[in-house]
Amino acid sequence: MPKGSWREFDNSQATIRPYKLPSKLNTEEQPVRVQRTRGGKGGKTVTVVSGLKIPDLEAKNLLKRLKAKCGTGGTFKGEFLELQGDQVEVLLELLQKEGYCPKRSGG
């Protein structure tokens, strides 16, 4: 066989698959969990909202609205929203009005 006659990847464009963007989850499809916890908080009760797959800016705006409706303080830590006090029932209603499908987590 003469040199250069082997062409394994002759038509390289045919083997390249187009990149598909991951489908963005609708707010109704996101598994949002609301949980009351005290661990590692100095004995204080906080309500943690987890499972939100939204950009940081949108999460901070959501947290601001939730804090105003609950009348408490709170913070945004990584992928969790934390609100002071036992706000589980209130947050379940507010998140449902925002278009999410929240569920209670834990006891």
Protein backbone atom coordinates (compact mmCIF):
# COMPACT_ATOMS: atom_id res chain seq x y z
CA MET A 1 0.00 0.00 0.00
CA PRO A 2 1.41 3.36 -0.93
CA LYS A 3 1.87 5.92 1.77
CA GLY A 4 -1.12 8.23 2.27
CA SER A 5 -3.79 5.98 0.74
CA TRP A 6 -5.43 5.17 4.08
CA ARG A 7 -8.10 7.71 4.95
CA GLU A 8 -9.96 6.77 8.08
CA PHE A 9 -11.34 10.23 8.72
CA ASP A 10 -11.96 11.30 5.15
CA ASN A 11 -15.31 13.00 5.72
CA SER A 12 -14.82 14.53 9.15
CA GLN A 13 -17.87 16.79 8.91
CA ALA A 14 -20.22 13.80 8.72
CA THR A 15 -19.01 12.40 12.06
CA ILE A 16 -19.38 15.64 14.04
CA ARG A 17 -22.64 15.74 15.91
CA PRO A 18 -24.26 19.10 16.52
CA TYR A 19 -24.14 20.25 20.13
CA LYS A 20 -27.54 20.42 21.77
CA LEU A 21 -28.09 22.93 24.52
CA PRO A 22 -29.50 21.37 27.67
CA SER A 23 -33.19 22.01 27.94
CA LYS A 24 -34.03 24.56 30.60
CA LEU A 25 -36.37 23.18 33.22
CA ASN A 26 -39.63 25.01 33.59
CA THR A 27 -40.37 26.30 37.05
CA GLU A 28 -43.17 23.73 37.36
CA GLU A 29 -40.75 20.87 36.63
CA GLN A 30 -38.09 21.82 39.18
CA PRO A 31 -38.03 19.67 42.33
CA VAL A 32 -38.00 22.48 44.92
CA ARG A 33 -37.72 21.38 48.56
CA VAL A 34 -38.55 23.45 51.63
CA GLN A 35 -37.08 22.23 54.92
CA ARG A 36 -36.86 23.52 58.49
CA THR A 37 -33.49 22.90 60.16
CA ARG A 38 -31.41 23.89 63.18
CA GLY A 39 -28.14 22.05 62.63
CA GLY A 40 -25.02 24.22 62.74
CA LYS A 41 -26.93 27.45 63.21
CA GLY A 42 -26.28 27.97 66.92
CA GLY A 43 -29.65 26.45 67.82
CA LYS A 44 -31.61 28.93 65.70
CA THR A 45 -34.30 27.61 63.39
CA VAL A 46 -33.94 28.44 59.70
CA THR A 47 -35.97 27.44 56.68
CA VAL A 48 -33.94 26.20 53.71
CA VAL A 49 -35.18 26.21 50.11
CA SER A 50 -33.17 23.89 47.85
CA GLY A 51 -33.41 22.60 44.30
CA LEU A 52 -33.80 25.92 42.53
CA LYS A 53 -31.97 25.78 39.22
CA ILE A 54 -32.04 29.46 38.35
CA PRO A 55 -29.28 32.05 37.80
CA ASP A 56 -27.81 33.75 40.87
CA LEU A 57 -29.33 37.14 40.10
CA GLU A 58 -32.79 35.65 39.69
CA ALA A 59 -32.35 33.68 42.95
CA LYS A 60 -31.37 36.84 44.82
CA ASN A 61 -34.43 38.66 43.48
CA LEU A 62 -36.65 35.74 44.52
CA LEU A 63 -35.06 35.75 47.98
CA LYS A 64 -35.72 39.47 48.30
CA ARG A 65 -39.41 38.98 47.50
CA LEU A 66 -39.69 36.03 49.91
CA LYS A 67 -38.01 37.94 52.74
CA ALA A 68 -40.36 40.88 52.23
CA LYS A 69 -43.46 38.65 52.27
CA CYS A 70 -42.30 36.71 55.36
CA GLY A 71 -40.98 39.75 57.19
CA THR A 72 -37.71 38.03 58.12
CA GLY A 73 -34.06 38.07 57.20
CA GLY A 74 -32.38 35.57 54.97
CA THR A 75 -29.38 34.78 52.83
CA PHE A 76 -28.37 33.10 49.59
CA LYS A 77 -25.71 30.41 50.10
CA GLY A 78 -24.58 28.57 46.99
CA GLU A 79 -27.69 26.83 45.71
CA PHE A 80 -29.73 27.28 48.90
CA LEU A 81 -32.00 30.08 50.09
CA GLU A 82 -32.11 30.40 53.88
CA LEU A 83 -34.76 32.37 55.73
CA GLN A 84 -34.78 32.96 59.46
CA GLY A 85 -37.39 31.20 61.55
CA ASP A 86 -39.95 28.52 60.80
CA GLN A 87 -41.40 29.77 57.49
CA VAL A 88 -42.22 26.43 55.83
CA GLU A 89 -45.97 26.90 55.39
CA VAL A 90 -45.61 30.49 54.20
CA LEU A 91 -42.86 29.60 51.72
CA LEU A 92 -44.83 26.68 50.30
CA GLU A 93 -47.69 29.05 49.46
CA LEU A 94 -45.44 31.84 48.14
CA LEU A 95 -43.36 29.53 45.94
CA GLN A 96 -46.50 28.01 44.50
CA LYS A 97 -47.76 31.50 43.63
CA GLU A 98 -44.38 32.20 41.97
CA GLY A 99 -44.97 29.21 39.66
CA TYR A 100 -42.82 26.55 41.36
CA CYS A 101 -43.97 23.16 42.60
CA PRO A 102 -42.52 23.06 46.14
CA LYS A 103 -42.64 20.11 48.51
CA ARG A 104 -42.02 19.89 52.22
CA SER A 105 -38.84 18.03 53.09
CA GLY A 106 -37.90 16.55 56.44
CA GLY A 107 -40.07 16.37 59.54
